[in-house]
Amino acid sequence: MASKAFLLFSFVILLLSLLSHSVLADNTNDKKQSPFEFINHLQGCHKGDKVKGTNELKKYLEKFGYLNYSSSTTQKHANDDDFDELLESAIKTYQLNYHLKATGVLDAKTVSKMTMPRCGVADIINGATRMRSGQKRHHNASSHFHTVAHYAFFPGNPKWPANKYHLTYAFLPGTRADAMTPVAKAFTTWAGNTHFRFTQTQDARNADITVSFHSGDHRDGYPFDGPGGTLAHAYAPTDGRFHYDADERWSVRATQGSFHLETVALHEIGHLLGLEHSSVEGAIMFPYIPAGVTKGLHGDDIQGIRALYNV
């Protein structure tokens, strides 16, 4: 009898141990650092400093188009921790794009912005500072007020041809079932504010646009980086690919700690139609989006798409 009691007691202890290990593992996963977390440790750095992790900051800025060490004279500094003049210049450009004081110093406001989750599409492509150079001034004749638009286009202003204003989209195998309705709603929103029409099709091979989920390196040259970094990316017309990062926490409704599927879809569809990033924080084409936040189309987004297609 005592032997049976001992075995039962041992089984209970083992079960509790396994449950405890499982909870700890889940908590560890929940608290996994963002890929951009390292930037916090560089706060206050400026030209002339040499701080461990600066090379990662260089990679971050290269990824989003602000930095290029490709020339023979600068290439040797691409992987070191020297806070050089080129890095200072890149940070100033970043600060200008996000309406921060352009000091070239990694101050608290700059760090706060850089560590937010964001779209994986670069802010600057082929060296053109699109978020600022794309600004245009519009005059409203009825009110005599001027407004400044901050929308931008991809280099060369790629767009869908006039015979492709009715676009089909398909979900690739493996797409989350709960993502399909939010994505469809995002297409409907864009259709209601543009000259485009969108129809879902099961024929993914011939669809104009495909939507899918991927983890890490998914062989398109733009690998995802795990939870809390780049959330999604999409391509300029007429490529039509839209990829979500499968490792993020996604939600259909605004949920703390999760990213809103429809909001991110609205942003990425903007890329699919030809819009690049906007420096207007309220615009759907603003690159950063915190967890738990929902957004809709902004006047800047609608002005941009109408200007691109001259409608």
Foldseek 3Di string as FASTA:
>chain_A
DVVVVVVVVVVVVVVVVVVVVVVVVVVCQLPDDAPLVLLVVQAFDAAPDQDPPQLVVLVLLVQQPLADQPDPVRVVVNRGRHRHPRQLNSLLLVCVLQVHDRPSGRHPVNSVVRQFAWARHHCDDPNDNFQAVVKDWDADVVVRDIDIFRWGFDVVLDADDPVPLEFEEEEDPPADPLLVVLLVVLQVQVVVLDVHHYHYDHCHVPGQAYEYEDAACPPPPRGDDAERYHAWAAAAPRNRYTYGHPRFAEDCAQDPRHAHSNLVSNQRVLRNRTIAAYSPPLASRDTGDHGSDHHGHDPSSSVVSCVSVVD
